[in-house]
Protein backbone atom coordinates (compact mmCIF):
# COMPACT_ATOMS: atom_id res chain seq x y z
CA MET A 1 116.41 126.30 105.40
CA VAL A 2 117.31 122.74 106.28
CA HIS A 3 116.25 122.97 109.91
CA ASN A 4 112.70 123.89 108.86
CA LEU A 5 112.30 120.38 107.44
CA PHE A 6 112.37 119.10 111.03
CA ASP A 7 109.62 121.46 112.19
CA ILE A 8 106.63 119.59 113.71
CA SER A 9 105.04 122.54 115.49
CA GLY A 10 101.27 122.40 115.24
CA LYS A 11 101.28 118.74 114.22
CA VAL A 12 99.23 116.20 116.19
CA ALA A 13 101.27 113.32 117.59
CA LEU A 14 99.86 110.23 119.32
CA VAL A 15 102.21 108.12 121.43
CA THR A 16 101.18 104.70 122.71
CA GLY A 17 102.68 103.21 125.84
CA ALA A 18 103.33 106.76 127.04
CA SER A 19 103.02 105.97 130.75
CA SER A 20 106.72 105.10 131.14
CA GLY A 21 110.05 104.47 129.42
CA PHE A 22 110.49 105.30 125.76
CA GLY A 23 106.88 106.42 125.37
CA GLU A 24 107.08 108.98 128.16
CA HIS A 25 110.34 110.30 126.72
CA PHE A 26 109.02 110.46 123.15
CA ALA A 27 105.93 112.35 124.29
CA ARG A 28 108.11 114.93 126.04
CA VAL A 29 110.37 115.40 123.00
CA LEU A 30 107.40 115.90 120.66
CA ALA A 31 105.80 118.38 123.06
CA GLU A 32 109.06 120.32 123.38
CA GLU A 33 109.13 120.62 119.59
CA GLY A 34 105.65 122.15 119.51
CA ALA A 35 103.41 119.24 118.54
CA ASN A 36 100.03 118.78 120.17
CA VAL A 37 100.48 115.44 121.91
CA VAL A 38 98.01 112.67 122.63
CA ILE A 39 99.41 110.34 125.27
CA ALA A 40 97.87 106.88 125.37
CA ALA A 41 98.25 103.88 127.67
CA ARG A 42 96.31 101.67 130.07
CA ARG A 43 97.74 103.34 133.18
CA VAL A 44 95.81 106.60 132.98
CA ASP A 45 96.97 107.77 136.41
CA ARG A 46 100.53 107.91 135.14
CA LEU A 47 99.42 109.70 131.98
CA GLU A 48 97.71 112.39 134.06
CA LYS A 49 100.98 113.05 135.91
CA LEU A 50 102.86 113.24 132.62
CA ALA A 51 100.27 115.60 131.14
CA THR A 52 100.69 117.95 134.08
CA SER A 53 104.42 118.17 133.42
CA LEU A 54 103.93 118.71 129.67
CA ASN A 55 101.19 121.33 129.78
CA SER A 56 103.72 124.16 129.94
CA LEU A 57 105.28 122.92 126.69
CA SER A 58 102.30 122.17 124.48
CA GLN A 59 98.68 121.06 124.42
CA VAL A 60 98.24 117.53 125.74
CA CYS A 61 95.33 115.08 125.60
CA VAL A 62 95.18 111.95 127.77
CA VAL A 63 93.41 108.88 126.38
CA ALA A 64 93.02 105.39 127.79
CA MET A 65 94.11 102.77 125.27
CA ASP A 66 94.65 99.02 125.37
CA VAL A 67 96.44 98.35 122.09
CA THR A 68 95.47 94.68 122.17
CA GLN A 69 91.79 95.62 121.76
CA ALA A 70 90.73 97.15 118.43
CA GLY A 71 87.67 98.72 120.06
CA SER A 72 89.80 100.48 122.67
CA VAL A 73 92.10 101.81 119.96
CA GLU A 74 89.17 103.14 117.93
CA ALA A 75 87.65 104.85 120.97
CA ALA A 76 90.98 106.46 121.84
CA PHE A 77 91.34 107.82 118.30
CA ASP A 78 87.82 109.25 118.56
CA GLU A 79 88.89 111.18 121.66
CA ALA A 80 92.12 112.32 120.05
CA GLU A 81 90.32 113.53 116.96
CA LYS A 82 87.81 115.48 119.02
CA ALA A 83 90.64 117.18 120.89
CA PHE A 84 93.07 118.00 118.08
CA GLY A 85 91.95 116.44 114.80
CA VAL A 86 93.35 113.35 113.07
CA PRO A 87 96.89 112.63 114.33
CA ASP A 88 99.67 113.35 111.79
CA ILE A 89 102.33 111.43 113.71
CA ILE A 90 101.93 108.05 115.37
CA VAL A 91 104.56 106.56 117.64
CA ASN A 92 103.69 102.89 118.08
CA ASN A 93 105.65 102.37 121.25
CA ALA A 94 103.56 100.10 123.51
CA GLY A 95 105.42 96.86 124.10
CA VAL A 96 106.10 94.05 126.55
CA ALA A 97 108.71 91.33 127.01
CA LYS A 98 108.69 87.83 128.47
CA PRO A 99 112.32 86.70 128.52
CA GLY A 100 113.14 83.11 129.34
CA PRO A 101 114.01 79.73 127.82
CA PHE A 102 111.89 78.75 124.84
CA LEU A 103 110.96 75.42 126.43
CA GLU A 104 109.56 77.27 129.46
CA LEU A 105 107.57 79.81 127.44
CA THR A 106 103.85 79.23 127.97
CA GLU A 107 101.14 79.71 125.38
CA GLU A 108 99.82 82.57 127.49
CA ASP A 109 103.24 84.27 127.52
CA TRP A 110 103.56 83.96 123.75
CA THR A 111 100.06 85.33 123.14
CA PHE A 112 100.61 88.21 125.56
CA VAL A 113 103.76 89.36 123.72
CA MET A 114 102.32 88.93 120.23
CA GLN A 115 99.02 90.64 121.00
CA THR A 116 100.79 93.68 122.44
CA ASN A 117 103.90 94.01 120.31
CA LEU A 118 102.50 92.94 116.93
CA SER A 119 98.70 93.05 116.93
CA GLY A 120 98.84 96.31 118.89
CA VAL A 121 100.98 97.92 116.20
CA ARG A 122 98.59 96.62 113.57
CA HIS A 123 95.50 97.97 115.37
CA VAL A 124 96.97 101.45 115.87
CA SER A 125 98.50 101.67 112.38
CA PHE A 126 95.22 100.59 110.77
CA GLU A 127 93.13 103.12 112.68
CA CYS A 128 95.59 105.93 111.98
CA ALA A 129 95.95 105.13 108.27
CA ARG A 130 92.20 104.71 107.80
CA ARG A 131 91.48 108.13 109.25
CA LEU A 132 94.33 109.87 107.43
CA ALA A 133 93.22 108.36 104.10
CA GLN A 134 89.61 109.43 104.68
CA ALA A 135 90.77 112.94 105.52
CA LYS A 136 93.12 112.94 102.47
CA LYS A 137 95.87 113.93 104.84
CA GLY A 138 99.46 112.74 104.96
CA GLY A 139 101.27 111.52 108.03
CA SER A 140 104.06 109.49 109.56
CA ILE A 141 103.75 106.18 111.42
CA ILE A 142 106.80 105.33 113.51
CA ASN A 143 106.86 101.76 114.80
CA ILE A 144 109.21 101.15 117.70
CA ALA A 145 110.86 97.83 116.94
CA SER A 146 114.22 96.71 118.36
CA ILE A 147 117.64 95.54 117.33
CA LEU A 148 116.30 92.14 118.41
CA GLY A 149 114.07 92.38 115.35
CA LEU A 150 117.24 92.48 113.26
CA GLY A 151 119.20 89.81 115.13
CA VAL A 152 118.63 87.50 118.05
CA GLN A 153 119.93 86.78 121.51
CA PRO A 154 119.19 83.78 123.75
CA LEU A 155 116.08 83.80 125.98
CA GLN A 156 114.19 86.31 123.83
CA SER A 157 112.32 84.10 121.36
CA ALA A 158 108.89 85.75 121.77
CA TYR A 159 110.16 89.32 121.94
CA ALA A 160 112.61 88.98 119.04
CA THR A 161 110.00 87.29 116.87
CA SER A 162 107.43 89.98 117.60
CA LYS A 163 109.85 92.79 116.76
CA ALA A 164 111.02 91.10 113.55
CA ALA A 165 107.35 90.85 112.59
CA VAL A 166 106.89 94.56 113.34
CA ILE A 167 109.69 95.36 110.90
CA GLN A 168 108.08 93.23 108.19
CA LEU A 169 104.67 94.78 108.88
CA THR A 170 106.29 98.20 108.60
CA ARG A 171 107.72 97.33 105.18
CA ALA A 172 104.50 95.76 103.93
CA ILE A 173 102.18 98.61 104.80
CA ALA A 174 104.74 101.22 103.76
CA LEU A 175 104.40 99.94 100.18
CA GLU A 176 100.63 100.33 100.27
CA LEU A 177 100.41 103.70 101.99
CA PHE A 178 103.10 105.80 100.32
CA ASP A 179 100.78 106.86 97.48
CA LYS A 180 98.47 108.23 100.18
CA ASN A 181 101.35 110.34 101.53
CA ILE A 182 101.57 108.18 104.66
CA ARG A 183 105.08 107.10 105.54
CA VAL A 184 105.75 104.07 107.74
CA ASN A 185 109.16 103.46 109.28
CA ALA A 186 110.60 101.50 112.19
CA LEU A 187 112.99 102.72 114.84
CA CYS A 188 115.13 99.93 116.29
CA PRO A 189 116.68 100.94 119.61
CA GLY A 190 119.48 99.02 121.19
CA TYR A 191 119.69 98.80 124.97
CA PHE A 192 118.56 101.85 126.91
CA SER A 193 117.75 101.86 130.61
CA THR A 194 113.98 101.64 131.13
CA GLU A 195 111.67 100.06 133.68
CA MET A 196 111.64 96.93 131.52
CA ASN A 197 115.37 96.20 131.82
CA GLU A 198 116.97 98.37 134.49
CA ALA A 199 117.16 95.59 137.08
CA PHE A 200 119.06 93.33 134.68
CA PHE A 201 121.59 95.98 133.68
CA GLU A 202 122.29 96.78 137.31
CA SER A 203 123.10 93.12 137.97
CA ASP A 204 126.51 91.46 137.53
CA ALA A 205 125.21 89.62 134.47
CA GLY A 206 123.97 92.84 132.92
CA LEU A 207 127.22 94.68 133.56
CA ALA A 208 129.13 91.77 132.03
CA TYR A 209 126.90 91.86 128.96
CA MET A 210 127.49 95.58 128.44
CA ARG A 211 131.25 94.98 128.38
CA LYS A 212 130.78 92.75 125.31
CA ILE A 213 129.02 95.29 123.08
CA PRO A 214 130.79 98.06 121.09
CA PRO A 215 129.63 101.10 123.12
CA ARG A 216 130.22 99.33 126.46
CA ARG A 217 127.36 101.36 127.88
CA LEU A 218 123.61 101.76 127.59
CA GLY A 219 122.19 104.37 125.28
CA ARG A 220 121.00 107.69 126.66
CA LEU A 221 117.36 108.48 125.89
CA GLU A 222 118.28 111.82 124.31
CA GLU A 223 120.25 109.86 121.71
CA LEU A 224 116.90 108.76 120.27
CA ASN A 225 115.66 112.34 119.81
CA GLY A 226 117.28 112.98 116.44
CA PRO A 227 116.09 109.76 114.77
CA LEU A 228 112.59 110.27 116.21
CA LEU A 229 112.31 113.83 114.89
CA LEU A 230 113.74 112.80 111.53
CA LEU A 231 110.99 110.21 111.05
CA ALA A 232 108.27 112.44 112.49
CA SER A 233 109.03 115.39 110.24
CA GLU A 234 109.18 116.21 106.54
CA ALA A 235 112.95 115.77 106.74
CA SER A 236 112.23 112.09 106.02
CA GLY A 237 109.74 112.83 103.24
CA PHE A 238 111.39 110.31 100.89
CA MET A 239 111.88 107.61 103.53
CA THR A 240 109.44 104.78 104.03
CA GLY A 241 109.74 101.10 104.88
CA THR A 242 113.04 101.61 106.68
CA ALA A 243 114.25 100.03 109.92
CA ILE A 244 116.78 102.30 111.58
CA PRO A 245 119.03 100.91 114.35
CA VAL A 246 120.04 103.32 117.13
CA ASP A 247 122.36 101.12 119.13
CA GLY A 248 125.98 102.25 119.04
CA GLY A 249 126.80 99.50 116.55
CA HIS A 250 125.43 96.72 118.74
CA SER A 251 123.39 95.17 115.91
CA VAL A 252 126.54 94.83 113.82
CA ARG A 253 127.74 92.33 116.41
CA LEU A 254 124.46 90.47 116.89
CA VAL A 255 124.56 86.78 116.03
């Protein structure tokens, strides 16, 4: 039956940046669908609270992870593997933003965004793929990019560049890993209310911006569930190297 293709029960899913926003939501969705979930972030206190709320849904493992440090990523995977085995599903969600004029962007700001949004995805993808290949086990890597990786807006030079690079990294490693039964795809959300942007979208400027985009509203987190489960499951068994916008048509209007 078609719905069985979406079954991820018993799979092991690792979600980075799970202490808030998209990552917290993705972890909950995967747990609800029966996956054993490894939640990773720097803010372990928040992860512990999330784990408590997810324990009734599935088995959960909390690991400290700084995606900018390859050693931290490796240690976190060691813990995950001890708990559940090599993760089958990776959600590369950890990300940061430093909006502002390009001429005011410091070297430190640029490095901070690139190390987290791009190098972090590389570190986690490498560690996952290495372990899956050694175990001769297939899997799915889902990189959370953005519609700003597909088009640009003012004041987002570092963020947009990092997310465009994530999409290209996704495509590049997808070509190399498909023969190992490891799929790599990118999910490109439009604007959803999270801790990162909620203040802006509650402001007059944010409300005015929303009136200019096709949906004239922010996305609801549950509207990411279907695309996430598609990429996580065997329903996307012939999909790799894709970048899927979930944005109510916003990216069609990006210039």
